[in-house]
Amino acid sequence: MENIVSDRSYDFALRIINLQKWLIGKKKEFTLSKQLLRSGTAVGALIREARHAQSRADFLSKMNIALKEANETEYWLMLLRDSHVISGTQFDSIHKDCDEIIRLLASIVKTTKSTLKSPPK
């Protein structure tokens, strides 16, 4: 599952970069787009970091932070939509990807938490 989330988060980061370029170039929106770029690209970087975590607890921590960044990204996207900087169609397209990443990360975090709590065999 980590390869799926890694691939999806990388593709998502590319979409975020392209959206940020468009927001700056066409809409002259600099503040929210910078926040969106930071959180949207951090997701994949954290997932990548988690590949070489020092322990399962470290892996869980990095995936939890990636989940928080994905949730923050969703917040910025919602603000851009609700302030009419991006259209509902633009939002729906990229939000679908964001939501999928959030669901994947939530599942990974939940599964990892349960394996940390289970007694050793």
PDB file of N, CA and C in Angstrom:
ATOM      1  N   MET A   1       0.823  -1.199   0.000  1.00  0.00           N
ATOM      2  CA  MET A   1       0.000   0.000   0.000  1.00  0.00           C
ATOM      3  C   MET A   1       0.865   1.260   0.000  1.00  0.00           C
ATOM      4  N   GLU A   2       2.057   1.194   0.616  1.00  0.00           N
ATOM      5  CA  GLU A   2       2.889   2.387   0.677  1.00  0.00           C
ATOM      6  C   GLU A   2       3.312   2.859  -0.706  1.00  0.00           C
ATOM      7  N   ASN A   3       3.537   1.926  -1.659  1.00  0.00           N
ATOM      8  CA  ASN A   3       3.895   2.344  -3.010  1.00  0.00           C
ATOM      9  C   ASN A   3       2.747   3.090  -3.668  1.00  0.00           C
ATOM     10  N   ILE A   4       1.543   2.630  -3.433  1.00  0.00           N
ATOM     11  CA  ILE A   4       0.369   3.311  -3.984  1.00  0.00           C
ATOM     12  C   ILE A   4       0.289   4.727  -3.433  1.00  0.00           C
ATOM     13  N   VAL A   5       0.403   4.867  -2.129  1.00  0.00           N
ATOM     14  CA  VAL A   5       0.279   6.193  -1.519  1.00  0.00           C
ATOM     15  C   VAL A   5       1.472   7.070  -1.912  1.00  0.00           C
ATOM     16  N   SER A   6       2.623   6.473  -2.065  1.00  0.00           N
ATOM     17  CA  SER A   6       3.805   7.222  -2.493  1.00  0.00           C
ATOM     18  C   SER A   6       3.618   7.741  -3.919  1.00  0.00           C
ATOM     19  N   ASP A   7       3.167   6.875  -4.813  1.00  0.00           N
ATOM     20  CA  ASP A   7       2.932   7.276  -6.200  1.00  0.00           C
ATOM     21  C   ASP A   7       1.833   8.331  -6.300  1.00  0.00           C
ATOM     22  N   ARG A   8       0.765   8.113  -5.577  1.00  0.00           N
ATOM     23  CA  ARG A   8      -0.362   9.066  -5.630  1.00  0.00           C
ATOM     24  C   ARG A   8       0.035  10.425  -5.052  1.00  0.00           C
ATOM     25  N   SER A   9       0.807  10.406  -3.970  1.00  0.00           N
ATOM     26  CA  SER A   9       1.210  11.673  -3.358  1.00  0.00           C
ATOM     27  C   SER A   9       2.192  12.429  -4.252  1.00  0.00           C
ATOM     28  N   TYR A  10       3.028  11.713  -4.993  1.00  0.00           N
ATOM     29  CA  TYR A  10       3.954  12.354  -5.932  1.00  0.00           C
ATOM     30  C   TYR A  10       3.162  13.017  -7.069  1.00  0.00           C
ATOM     31  N   ASP A  11       2.230  12.270  -7.638  1.00  0.00           N
ATOM     32  CA  ASP A  11       1.390  12.829  -8.703  1.00  0.00           C
ATOM     33  C   ASP A  11       0.583  14.027  -8.194  1.00  0.00           C
ATOM     34  N   PHE A  12       0.098  13.914  -6.960  1.00  0.00           N
ATOM     35  CA  PHE A  12      -0.665  15.000  -6.346  1.00  0.00           C
ATOM     36  C   PHE A  12       0.221  16.239  -6.178  1.00  0.00           C
ATOM     37  N   ALA A  13       1.455  16.041  -5.740  1.00  0.00           N
ATOM     38  CA  ALA A  13       2.382  17.159  -5.571  1.00  0.00           C
ATOM     39  C   ALA A  13       2.610  17.875  -6.903  1.00  0.00           C
ATOM     40  N   LEU A  14       2.719  17.113  -7.975  1.00  0.00           N
ATOM     41  CA  LEU A  14       2.876  17.728  -9.294  1.00  0.00           C
ATOM     42  C   LEU A  14       1.648  18.560  -9.659  1.00  0.00           C
ATOM     43  N   ARG A  15       0.475  18.052  -9.339  1.00  0.00           N
ATOM     44  CA  ARG A  15      -0.763  18.812  -9.604  1.00  0.00           C
ATOM     45  C   ARG A  15      -0.797  20.091  -8.768  1.00  0.00           C
ATOM     46  N   ILE A  16      -0.359  19.987  -7.523  1.00  0.00           N
ATOM     47  CA  ILE A  16      -0.322  21.156  -6.635  1.00  0.00           C
ATOM     48  C   ILE A  16       0.645  22.201  -7.198  1.00  0.00           C
ATOM     49  N   ILE A  17       1.806  21.766  -7.666  1.00  0.00           N
ATOM     50  CA  ILE A  17       2.783  22.687  -8.249  1.00  0.00           C
ATOM     51  C   ILE A  17       2.174  23.397  -9.456  1.00  0.00           C
ATOM     52  N   ASN A  18       1.510  22.639 -10.313  1.00  0.00           N
ATOM     53  CA  ASN A  18       0.886  23.245 -11.495  1.00  0.00           C
ATOM     54  C   ASN A  18      -0.242  24.202 -11.117  1.00  0.00           C
ATOM     55  N   LEU A  19      -1.020  23.835 -10.108  1.00  0.00           N
ATOM     56  CA  LEU A  19      -2.083  24.729  -9.649  1.00  0.00           C
ATOM     57  C   LEU A  19      -1.481  26.010  -9.086  1.00  0.00           C
ATOM     58  N   GLN A  20      -0.419  25.881  -8.311  1.00  0.00           N
ATOM     59  CA  GLN A  20       0.216  27.061  -7.728  1.00  0.00           C
ATOM     60  C   GLN A  20       0.755  27.985  -8.823  1.00  0.00           C
ATOM     61  N   LYS A  21       1.368  27.416  -9.853  1.00  0.00           N
ATOM     62  CA  LYS A  21       1.861  28.223 -10.977  1.00  0.00           C
ATOM     63  C   LYS A  21       0.699  28.979 -11.629  1.00  0.00           C
ATOM     64  N   TRP A  22      -0.421  28.285 -11.814  1.00  0.00           N
ATOM     65  CA  TRP A  22      -1.602  28.899 -12.420  1.00  0.00           C
ATOM     66  C   TRP A  22      -2.165  29.998 -11.516  1.00  0.00           C
ATOM     67  N   LEU A  23      -2.223  29.720 -10.223  1.00  0.00           N
ATOM     68  CA  LEU A  23      -2.752  30.714  -9.283  1.00  0.00           C
ATOM     69  C   LEU A  23      -1.912  31.991  -9.293  1.00  0.00           C
ATOM     70  N   ILE A  24      -0.609  31.840  -9.375  1.00  0.00           N
ATOM     71  CA  ILE A  24       0.273  33.007  -9.404  1.00  0.00           C
ATOM     72  C   ILE A  24       0.164  33.723 -10.755  1.00  0.00           C
ATOM     73  N   GLY A  25       0.225  32.950 -11.828  1.00  0.00           N
ATOM     74  CA  GLY A  25       0.228  33.542 -13.164  1.00  0.00           C
ATOM     75  C   GLY A  25      -1.093  34.154 -13.584  1.00  0.00           C
ATOM     76  N   LYS A  26      -2.177  33.435 -13.373  1.00  0.00           N
ATOM     77  CA  LYS A  26      -3.490  33.883 -13.873  1.00  0.00           C
ATOM     78  C   LYS A  26      -4.309  34.661 -12.844  1.00  0.00           C
ATOM     79  N   LYS A  27      -4.221  34.250 -11.594  1.00  0.00           N
ATOM     80  CA  LYS A  27      -5.061  34.861 -10.568  1.00  0.00           C
ATOM     81  C   LYS A  27      -4.317  35.859  -9.685  1.00  0.00           C
ATOM     82  N   LYS A  28      -2.985  35.888  -9.825  1.00  0.00           N
ATOM     83  CA  LYS A  28      -2.149  36.766  -8.997  1.00  0.00           C
ATOM     84  C   LYS A  28      -2.397  36.516  -7.508  1.00  0.00           C
ATOM     85  N   GLU A  29      -2.569  35.245  -7.178  1.00  0.00           N
ATOM     86  CA  GLU A  29      -2.821  34.841  -5.795  1.00  0.00           C
ATOM     87  C   GLU A  29      -1.525  34.233  -5.258  1.00  0.00           C
ATOM     88  N   PHE A  30      -0.928  34.922  -4.282  1.00  0.00           N
ATOM     89  CA  PHE A  30       0.389  34.520  -3.794  1.00  0.00           C
ATOM     90  C   PHE A  30       0.363  33.900  -2.397  1.00  0.00           C
ATOM     91  N   THR A  31      -0.498  34.365  -1.534  1.00  0.00           N
ATOM     92  CA  THR A  31      -0.470  33.929  -0.140  1.00  0.00           C
ATOM     93  C   THR A  31      -1.026  32.520   0.038  1.00  0.00           C
ATOM     94  N   LEU A  32      -2.261  32.300  -0.356  1.00  0.00           N
ATOM     95  CA  LEU A  32      -2.857  30.972  -0.209  1.00  0.00           C
ATOM     96  C   LEU A  32      -2.134  29.946  -1.070  1.00  0.00           C
ATOM     97  N   SER A  33      -1.690  30.363  -2.252  1.00  0.00           N
ATOM     98  CA  SER A  33      -1.008  29.418  -3.142  1.00  0.00           C
ATOM     99  C   SER A  33       0.310  28.947  -2.542  1.00  0.00           C
ATOM    100  N   LYS A  34       0.976  29.812  -1.804  1.00  0.00           N
ATOM    101  CA  LYS A  34       2.235  29.408  -1.157  1.00  0.00           C
ATOM    102  C   LYS A  34       1.967  28.398  -0.048  1.00  0.00           C
ATOM    103  N   GLN A  35       0.913  28.626   0.720  1.00  0.00           N
ATOM    104  CA  GLN A  35       0.528  27.688   1.780  1.00  0.00           C
ATOM    105  C   GLN A  35       0.146  26.338   1.179  1.00  0.00           C
ATOM    106  N   LEU A  36      -0.611  26.395   0.105  1.00  0.00           N
ATOM    107  CA  LEU A  36      -1.039  25.180  -0.598  1.00  0.00           C
ATOM    108  C   LEU A  36       0.173  24.408  -1.116  1.00  0.00           C
ATOM    109  N   LEU A  37       1.121  25.110  -1.705  1.00  0.00           N
ATOM    110  CA  LEU A  37       2.324  24.465  -2.231  1.00  0.00           C
ATOM    111  C   LEU A  37       3.107  23.791  -1.113  1.00  0.00           C
ATOM    112  N   ARG A  38       3.263  24.486  -0.002  1.00  0.00           N
ATOM    113  CA  ARG A  38       4.038  23.945   1.112  1.00  0.00           C
ATOM    114  C   ARG A  38       3.417  22.666   1.661  1.00  0.00           C
ATOM    115  N   SER A  39       2.130  22.721   1.972  1.00  0.00           N
ATOM    116  CA  SER A  39       1.498  21.539   2.568  1.00  0.00           C
ATOM    117  C   SER A  39       1.276  20.433   1.544  1.00  0.00           C
ATOM    118  N   GLY A  40       0.916  20.801   0.327  1.00  0.00           N
ATOM    119  CA  GLY A  40       0.620  19.799  -0.695  1.00  0.00           C
ATOM    120  C   GLY A  40       1.825  18.996  -1.143  1.00  0.00           C
ATOM    121  N   THR A  41       2.998  19.613  -1.129  1.00  0.00           N
ATOM    122  CA  THR A  41       4.210  18.891  -1.506  1.00  0.00           C
ATOM    123  C   THR A  41       4.845  18.192  -0.306  1.00  0.00           C
ATOM    124  N   ALA A  42       4.544  18.646   0.896  1.00  0.00           N
ATOM    125  CA  ALA A  42       5.095  18.017   2.102  1.00  0.00           C
ATOM    126  C   ALA A  42       4.568  16.596   2.290  1.00  0.00           C
ATOM    127  N   VAL A  43       3.352  16.350   1.846  1.00  0.00           N
ATOM    128  CA  VAL A  43       2.738  15.022   2.009  1.00  0.00           C
ATOM    129  C   VAL A  43       3.646  13.939   1.429  1.00  0.00           C
ATOM    130  N   GLY A  44       4.004  14.076   0.180  1.00  0.00           N
ATOM    131  CA  GLY A  44       4.843  13.087  -0.482  1.00  0.00           C
ATOM    132  C   GLY A  44       6.235  12.996   0.112  1.00  0.00           C
ATOM    133  N   ALA A  45       6.784  14.141   0.509  1.00  0.00           N
ATOM    134  CA  ALA A  45       8.119  14.143   1.108  1.00  0.00           C
ATOM    135  C   ALA A  45       8.124  13.352   2.416  1.00  0.00           C
ATOM    136  N   LEU A  46       7.097  13.500   3.205  1.00  0.00           N
ATOM    137  CA  LEU A  46       7.003  12.771   4.470  1.00  0.00           C
ATOM    138  C   LEU A  46       6.803  11.275   4.239  1.00  0.00           C
ATOM    139  N   ILE A  47       6.005  10.943   3.250  1.00  0.00           N
ATOM    140  CA  ILE A  47       5.803   9.525   2.918  1.00  0.00           C
ATOM    141  C   ILE A  47       7.130   8.922   2.462  1.00  0.00           C
ATOM    142  N   ARG A  48       7.866   9.672   1.669  1.00  0.00           N
ATOM    143  CA  ARG A  48       9.169   9.212   1.195  1.00  0.00           C
ATOM    144  C   ARG A  48      10.126   9.010   2.376  1.00  0.00           C
ATOM    145  N   GLU A  49      10.120   9.952   3.306  1.00  0.00           N
ATOM    146  CA  GLU A  49      10.938   9.844   4.512  1.00  0.00           C
ATOM    147  C   GLU A  49      10.592   8.589   5.306  1.00  0.00           C
ATOM    148  N   ALA A  50       9.325   8.280   5.384  1.00  0.00           N
ATOM    149  CA  ALA A  50       8.849   7.145   6.183  1.00  0.00           C
ATOM    150  C   ALA A  50       9.385   5.819   5.668  1.00  0.00           C
ATOM    151  N   ARG A  51       9.742   5.754   4.409  1.00  0.00           N
ATOM    152  CA  ARG A  51      10.301   4.521   3.844  1.00  0.00           C
ATOM    153  C   ARG A  51      11.528   4.035   4.621  1.00  0.00           C
ATOM    154  N   HIS A  52      12.282   4.986   5.132  1.00  0.00           N
ATOM    155  CA  HIS A  52      13.516   4.644   5.840  1.00  0.00           C
ATOM    156  C   HIS A  52      13.437   5.059   7.304  1.00  0.00           C
ATOM    157  N   ALA A  53      12.273   4.900   7.860  1.00  0.00           N
ATOM    158  CA  ALA A  53      12.077   5.230   9.276  1.00  0.00           C
ATOM    159  C   ALA A  53      12.953   4.335  10.140  1.00  0.00           C
ATOM    160  N   GLN A  54      13.338   4.849  11.278  1.00  0.00           N
ATOM    161  CA  GLN A  54      14.224   4.119  12.185  1.00  0.00           C
ATOM    162  C   GLN A  54      13.497   3.040  12.970  1.00  0.00           C
ATOM    163  N   SER A  55      12.186   3.167  13.051  1.00  0.00           N
ATOM    164  CA  SER A  55      11.384   2.198  13.800  1.00  0.00           C
ATOM    165  C   SER A  55       9.945   2.300  13.322  1.00  0.00           C
ATOM    166  N   ARG A  56       9.102   1.391  13.788  1.00  0.00           N
ATOM    167  CA  ARG A  56       7.678   1.470  13.445  1.00  0.00           C
ATOM    168  C   ARG A  56       7.053   2.727  14.048  1.00  0.00           C
ATOM    169  N   ALA A  57       7.521   3.097  15.223  1.00  0.00           N
ATOM    170  CA  ALA A  57       7.008   4.321  15.856  1.00  0.00           C
ATOM    171  C   ALA A  57       7.400   5.553  15.024  1.00  0.00           C
ATOM    172  N   ASP A  58       8.607   5.561  14.498  1.00  0.00           N
ATOM    173  CA  ASP A  58       9.061   6.658  13.646  1.00  0.00           C
ATOM    174  C   ASP A  58       8.250   6.678  12.351  1.00  0.00           C
ATOM    175  N   PHE A  59       8.018   5.507  11.769  1.00  0.00           N
ATOM    176  CA  PHE A  59       7.181   5.377  10.569  1.00  0.00           C
ATOM    177  C   PHE A  59       5.793   5.961  10.840  1.00  0.00           C
ATOM    178  N   LEU A  60       5.197   5.561  11.971  1.00  0.00           N
ATOM    179  CA  LEU A  60       3.863   6.049  12.337  1.00  0.00           C
ATOM    180  C   LEU A  60       3.863   7.568  12.478  1.00  0.00           C
ATOM    181  N   SER A  61       4.884   8.099  13.120  1.00  0.00           N
ATOM    182  CA  SER A  61       4.969   9.545  13.316  1.00  0.00           C
ATOM    183  C   SER A  61       5.005  10.278  11.968  1.00  0.00           C
ATOM    184  N   LYS A  62       5.824   9.808  11.062  1.00  0.00           N
ATOM    185  CA  LYS A  62       5.938  10.460   9.750  1.00  0.00           C
ATOM    186  C   LYS A  62       4.640  10.349   8.952  1.00  0.00           C
ATOM    187  N   MET A  63       3.996   9.195   9.020  1.00  0.00           N
ATOM    188  CA  MET A  63       2.733   9.032   8.304  1.00  0.00           C
ATOM    189  C   MET A  63       1.631   9.895   8.931  1.00  0.00           C
ATOM    190  N   ASN A  64       1.662  10.024  10.244  1.00  0.00           N
ATOM    191  CA  ASN A  64       0.702  10.894  10.925  1.00  0.00           C
ATOM    192  C   ASN A  64       0.885  12.348  10.496  1.00  0.00           C
ATOM    193  N   ILE A  65       2.129  12.777  10.397  1.00  0.00           N
ATOM    194  CA  ILE A  65       2.399  14.150   9.967  1.00  0.00           C
ATOM    195  C   ILE A  65       1.974  14.328   8.509  1.00  0.00           C
ATOM    196  N   ALA A  66       2.224  13.326   7.667  1.00  0.00           N
ATOM    197  CA  ALA A  66       1.770  13.384   6.267  1.00  0.00           C
ATOM    198  C   ALA A  66       0.253  13.529   6.207  1.00  0.00           C
ATOM    199  N   LEU A  67      -0.450  12.795   7.065  1.00  0.00           N
ATOM    200  CA  LEU A  67      -1.912  12.893   7.132  1.00  0.00           C
ATOM    201  C   LEU A  67      -2.342  14.300   7.537  1.00  0.00           C
ATOM    202  N   LYS A  68      -1.656  14.882   8.506  1.00  0.00           N
ATOM    203  CA  LYS A  68      -1.977  16.249   8.927  1.00  0.00           C
ATOM    204  C   LYS A  68      -1.748  17.239   7.781  1.00  0.00           C
ATOM    205  N   GLU A  69      -0.649  17.063   7.050  1.00  0.00           N
ATOM    206  CA  GLU A  69      -0.367  17.945   5.913  1.00  0.00           C
ATOM    207  C   GLU A  69      -1.431  17.791   4.818  1.00  0.00           C
ATOM    208  N   ALA A  70      -1.874  16.571   4.588  1.00  0.00           N
ATOM    209  CA  ALA A  70      -2.931  16.338   3.594  1.00  0.00           C
ATOM    210  C   ALA A  70      -4.226  17.026   4.024  1.00  0.00           C
ATOM    211  N   ASN A  71      -4.539  16.948   5.308  1.00  0.00           N
ATOM    212  CA  ASN A  71      -5.730  17.635   5.821  1.00  0.00           C
ATOM    213  C   ASN A  71      -5.589  19.147   5.696  1.00  0.00           C
ATOM    214  N   GLU A  72      -4.395  19.654   5.959  1.00  0.00           N
ATOM    215  CA  GLU A  72      -4.162  21.090   5.803  1.00  0.00           C
ATOM    216  C   GLU A  72      -4.321  21.502   4.337  1.00  0.00           C
ATOM    217  N   THR A  73      -3.814  20.678   3.437  1.00  0.00           N
ATOM    218  CA  THR A  73      -3.945  20.954   2.010  1.00  0.00           C
ATOM    219  C   THR A  73      -5.416  21.032   1.615  1.00  0.00           C
ATOM    220  N   GLU A  74      -6.202  20.112   2.145  1.00  0.00           N
ATOM    221  CA  GLU A  74      -7.638  20.131   1.868  1.00  0.00           C
ATOM    222  C   GLU A  74      -8.253  21.455   2.338  1.00  0.00           C
ATOM    223  N   TYR A  75      -7.817  21.945   3.473  1.00  0.00           N
ATOM    224  CA  TYR A  75      -8.306  23.221   4.009  1.00  0.00           C
ATOM    225  C   TYR A  75      -8.011  24.370   3.036  1.00  0.00           C
ATOM    226  N   TRP A  76      -6.761  24.449   2.537  1.00  0.00           N
ATOM    227  CA  TRP A  76      -6.403  25.518   1.608  1.00  0.00           C
ATOM    228  C   TRP A  76      -7.209  25.405   0.315  1.00  0.00           C
ATOM    229  N   LEU A  77      -7.408  24.187  -0.154  1.00  0.00           N
ATOM    230  CA  LEU A  77      -8.213  24.002  -1.366  1.00  0.00           C
ATOM    231  C   LEU A  77      -9.649  24.483  -1.151  1.00  0.00           C
ATOM    232  N   MET A  78     -10.200  24.174   0.015  1.00  0.00           N
ATOM    233  CA  MET A  78     -11.563  24.621   0.320  1.00  0.00           C
ATOM    234  C   MET A  78     -11.639  26.145   0.388  1.00  0.00           C
ATOM    235  N   LEU A  79     -10.634  26.772   0.986  1.00  0.00           N
ATOM    236  CA  LEU A  79     -10.607  28.236   1.032  1.00  0.00           C
ATOM    237  C   LEU A  79     -10.533  28.839  -0.367  1.00  0.00           C
ATOM    238  N   LEU A  80      -9.702  28.249  -1.224  1.00  0.00           N
ATOM    239  CA  LEU A  80      -9.593  28.748  -2.591  1.00  0.00           C
ATOM    240  C   LEU A  80     -10.919  28.609  -3.330  1.00  0.00           C
ATOM    241  N   ARG A  81     -11.624  27.507  -3.107  1.00  0.00           N
ATOM    242  CA  ARG A  81     -12.934  27.311  -3.741  1.00  0.00           C
ATOM    243  C   ARG A  81     -13.963  28.287  -3.176  1.00  0.00           C
ATOM    244  N   ASP A  82     -14.035  28.355  -1.868  1.00  0.00           N
ATOM    245  CA  ASP A  82     -15.085  29.161  -1.246  1.00  0.00           C
ATOM    246  C   ASP A  82     -14.867  30.667  -1.397  1.00  0.00           C
ATOM    247  N   SER A  83     -13.637  31.058  -1.692  1.00  0.00           N
ATOM    248  CA  SER A  83     -13.360  32.474  -1.963  1.00  0.00           C
ATOM    249  C   SER A  83     -13.393  32.760  -3.467  1.00  0.00           C
ATOM    250  N   HIS A  84     -13.809  31.751  -4.234  1.00  0.00           N
ATOM    251  CA  HIS A  84     -13.998  31.862  -5.684  1.00  0.00           C
ATOM    252  C   HIS A  84     -12.713  32.147  -6.457  1.00  0.00           C
ATOM    253  N   VAL A  85     -11.579  31.711  -5.896  1.00  0.00           N
ATOM    254  CA  VAL A  85     -10.315  31.832  -6.616  1.00  0.00           C
ATOM    255  C   VAL A  85     -10.190  30.687  -7.617  1.00  0.00           C
ATOM    256  N   ILE A  86     -10.651  29.502  -7.213  1.00  0.00           N
ATOM    257  CA  ILE A  86     -10.740  28.387  -8.154  1.00  0.00           C
ATOM    258  C   ILE A  86     -12.216  28.007  -8.287  1.00  0.00           C
ATOM    259  N   SER A  87     -12.533  27.393  -9.401  1.00  0.00           N
ATOM    260  CA  SER A  87     -13.926  27.011  -9.645  1.00  0.00           C
ATOM    261  C   SER A  87     -14.257  25.708  -8.917  1.00  0.00           C
ATOM    262  N   GLY A  88     -15.530  25.437  -8.823  1.00  0.00           N
ATOM    263  CA  GLY A  88     -15.978  24.179  -8.236  1.00  0.00           C
ATOM    264  C   GLY A  88     -15.449  22.983  -9.009  1.00  0.00           C
ATOM    265  N   THR A  89     -15.376  23.104 -10.313  1.00  0.00           N
ATOM    266  CA  THR A  89     -14.848  22.023 -11.158  1.00  0.00           C
ATOM    267  C   THR A  89     -13.368  21.786 -10.881  1.00  0.00           C
ATOM    268  N   GLN A  90     -12.606  22.867 -10.783  1.00  0.00           N
ATOM    269  CA  GLN A  90     -11.177  22.741 -10.463  1.00  0.00           C
ATOM    270  C   GLN A  90     -11.006  22.089  -9.088  1.00  0.00           C
ATOM    271  N   PHE A  91     -11.793  22.559  -8.135  1.00  0.00           N
ATOM    272  CA  PHE A  91     -11.729  22.010  -6.782  1.00  0.00           C
ATOM    273  C   PHE A  91     -12.053  20.522  -6.784  1.00  0.00           C
ATOM    274  N   ASP A  92     -13.159  20.160  -7.426  1.00  0.00           N
ATOM    275  CA  ASP A  92     -13.589  18.755  -7.436  1.00  0.00           C
ATOM    276  C   ASP A  92     -12.515  17.842  -7.993  1.00  0.00           C
ATOM    277  N   SER A  93     -11.862  18.287  -9.043  1.00  0.00           N
ATOM    278  CA  SER A  93     -10.840  17.480  -9.692  1.00  0.00           C
ATOM    279  C   SER A  93      -9.666  17.186  -8.756  1.00  0.00           C
ATOM    280  N   ILE A  94      -9.128  18.214  -8.132  1.00  0.00           N
ATOM    281  CA  ILE A  94      -7.950  18.014  -7.281  1.00  0.00           C
ATOM    282  C   ILE A  94      -8.342  17.515  -5.893  1.00  0.00           C
ATOM    283  N   HIS A  95      -9.526  17.872  -5.424  1.00  0.00           N
ATOM    284  CA  HIS A  95      -9.970  17.411  -4.110  1.00  0.00           C
ATOM    285  C   HIS A  95     -10.163  15.905  -4.098  1.00  0.00           C
ATOM    286  N   LYS A  96     -10.601  15.355  -5.197  1.00  0.00           N
ATOM    287  CA  LYS A  96     -10.765  13.901  -5.291  1.00  0.00           C
ATOM    288  C   LYS A  96      -9.441  13.204  -4.973  1.00  0.00           C
ATOM    289  N   ASP A  97      -8.359  13.708  -5.546  1.00  0.00           N
ATOM    290  CA  ASP A  97      -7.032  13.143  -5.280  1.00  0.00           C
ATOM    291  C   ASP A  97      -6.627  13.344  -3.822  1.00  0.00           C
ATOM    292  N   CYS A  98      -6.879  14.532  -3.310  1.00  0.00           N
ATOM    293  CA  CYS A  98      -6.530  14.838  -1.916  1.00  0.00           C
ATOM    294  C   CYS A  98      -7.284  13.920  -0.962  1.00  0.00           C
ATOM    295  N   ASP A  99      -8.563  13.747  -1.202  1.00  0.00           N
ATOM    296  CA  ASP A  99      -9.388  12.894  -0.354  1.00  0.00           C
ATOM    297  C   ASP A  99      -8.901  11.444  -0.396  1.00  0.00           C
ATOM    298  N   GLU A 100      -8.521  10.980  -1.564  1.00  0.00           N
ATOM    299  CA  GLU A 100      -8.023   9.612  -1.691  1.00  0.00           C
ATOM    300  C   GLU A 100      -6.731   9.430  -0.883  1.00  0.00           C
ATOM    301  N   ILE A 101      -5.844  10.408  -0.945  1.00  0.00           N
ATOM    302  CA  ILE A 101      -4.600  10.339  -0.175  1.00  0.00           C
ATOM    303  C   ILE A 101      -4.899  10.363   1.316  1.00  0.00           C
ATOM    304  N   ILE A 102      -5.827  11.196   1.736  1.00  0.00           N
ATOM    305  CA  ILE A 102      -6.218  11.249   3.151  1.00  0.00           C
ATOM    306  C   ILE A 102      -6.739   9.889   3.607  1.00  0.00           C
ATOM    307  N   ARG A 103      -7.578   9.280   2.796  1.00  0.00           N
ATOM    308  CA  ARG A 103      -8.121   7.963   3.154  1.00  0.00           C
ATOM    309  C   ARG A 103      -7.033   6.895   3.239  1.00  0.00           C
ATOM    310  N   LEU A 104      -6.112   6.898   2.277  1.00  0.00           N
ATOM    311  CA  LEU A 104      -5.008   5.933   2.297  1.00  0.00           C
ATOM    312  C   LEU A 104      -4.130   6.129   3.528  1.00  0.00           C
ATOM    313  N   LEU A 105      -3.788   7.373   3.807  1.00  0.00           N
ATOM    314  CA  LEU A 105      -2.938   7.653   4.965  1.00  0.00           C
ATOM    315  C   LEU A 105      -3.639   7.311   6.276  1.00  0.00           C
ATOM    316  N   ALA A 106      -4.921   7.614   6.369  1.00  0.00           N
ATOM    317  CA  ALA A 106      -5.677   7.278   7.582  1.00  0.00           C
ATOM    318  C   ALA A 106      -5.677   5.773   7.807  1.00  0.00           C
ATOM    319  N   SER A 107      -5.812   5.020   6.731  1.00  0.00           N
ATOM    320  CA  SER A 107      -5.793   3.564   6.824  1.00  0.00           C
ATOM    321  C   SER A 107      -4.417   3.057   7.269  1.00  0.00           C
ATOM    322  N   ILE A 108      -3.364   3.614   6.701  1.00  0.00           N
ATOM    323  CA  ILE A 108      -2.005   3.217   7.082  1.00  0.00           C
ATOM    324  C   ILE A 108      -1.747   3.543   8.544  1.00  0.00           C
ATOM    325  N   VAL A 109      -2.156   4.731   8.975  1.00  0.00           N
ATOM    326  CA  VAL A 109      -1.952   5.135  10.368  1.00  0.00           C
ATOM    327  C   VAL A 109      -2.719   4.206  11.308  1.00  0.00           C
ATOM    328  N   LYS A 110      -3.967   3.924  10.967  1.00  0.00           N
ATOM    329  CA  LYS A 110      -4.794   3.055  11.808  1.00  0.00           C
ATOM    330  C   LYS A 110      -4.188   1.650  11.910  1.00  0.00           C
ATOM    331  N   THR A 111      -3.783   1.102  10.778  1.00  0.00           N
ATOM    332  CA  THR A 111      -3.193  -0.237  10.764  1.00  0.00           C
ATOM    333  C   THR A 111      -1.879  -0.268  11.550  1.00  0.00           C
ATOM    334  N   THR A 112      -1.047   0.736  11.356  1.00  0.00           N
ATOM    335  CA  THR A 112       0.232   0.783  12.049  1.00  0.00           C
ATOM    336  C   THR A 112       0.022   0.928  13.552  1.00  0.00           C
ATOM    337  N   LYS A 113      -0.932   1.753  13.962  1.00  0.00           N
ATOM    338  CA  LYS A 113      -1.227   1.896  15.392  1.00  0.00           C
ATOM    339  C   LYS A 113      -1.636   0.552  15.996  1.00  0.00           C
ATOM    340  N   SER A 114      -2.465  -0.193  15.271  1.00  0.00           N
ATOM    341  CA  SER A 114      -2.935  -1.464  15.810  1.00  0.00           C
ATOM    342  C   SER A 114      -1.800  -2.482  15.927  1.00  0.00           C
ATOM    343  N   THR A 115      -0.844  -2.430  15.008  1.00  0.00           N
ATOM    344  CA  THR A 115       0.284  -3.380  15.106  1.00  0.00           C
ATOM    345  C   THR A 115       1.244  -2.983  16.217  1.00  0.00           C
ATOM    346  N   LEU A 116       1.324  -1.699  16.528  1.00  0.00           N
ATOM    347  CA  LEU A 116       2.185  -1.274  17.639  1.00  0.00           C
ATOM    348  C   LEU A 116       1.592  -1.667  18.980  1.00  0.00           C
ATOM    349  N   LYS A 117       0.268  -1.717  19.045  1.00  0.00           N
ATOM    350  CA  LYS A 117      -0.405  -2.039  20.308  1.00  0.00           C
ATOM    351  C   LYS A 117      -0.531  -3.530  20.558  1.00  0.00           C
ATOM    352  N   SER A 118      -0.422  -4.346  19.493  1.00  0.00           N
ATOM    353  CA  SER A 118      -0.610  -5.783  19.678  1.00  0.00           C
ATOM    354  C   SER A 118       0.612  -6.371  20.396  1.00  0.00           C
ATOM    355  N   PRO A 119       0.360  -7.337  21.265  1.00  0.00           N
ATOM    356  CA  PRO A 119       1.442  -7.932  22.049  1.00  0.00           C
ATOM    357  C   PRO A 119       2.408  -8.708  21.159  1.00  0.00           C
ATOM    358  N   PRO A 120       3.688  -8.746  21.523  1.00  0.00           N
ATOM    359  CA  PRO A 120       4.658  -9.495  20.730  1.00  0.00           C
ATOM    360  C   PRO A 120       4.353 -10.997  20.748  1.00  0.00           C
ATOM    361  N   LYS A 121       4.698 -11.660  19.674  1.00  0.00           N
ATOM    362  CA  LYS A 121       4.424 -13.099  19.557  1.00  0.00           C
ATOM    363  C   LYS A 121       5.597 -13.917  20.007  1.00  0.00           C
TER     364      LYS A 121
END
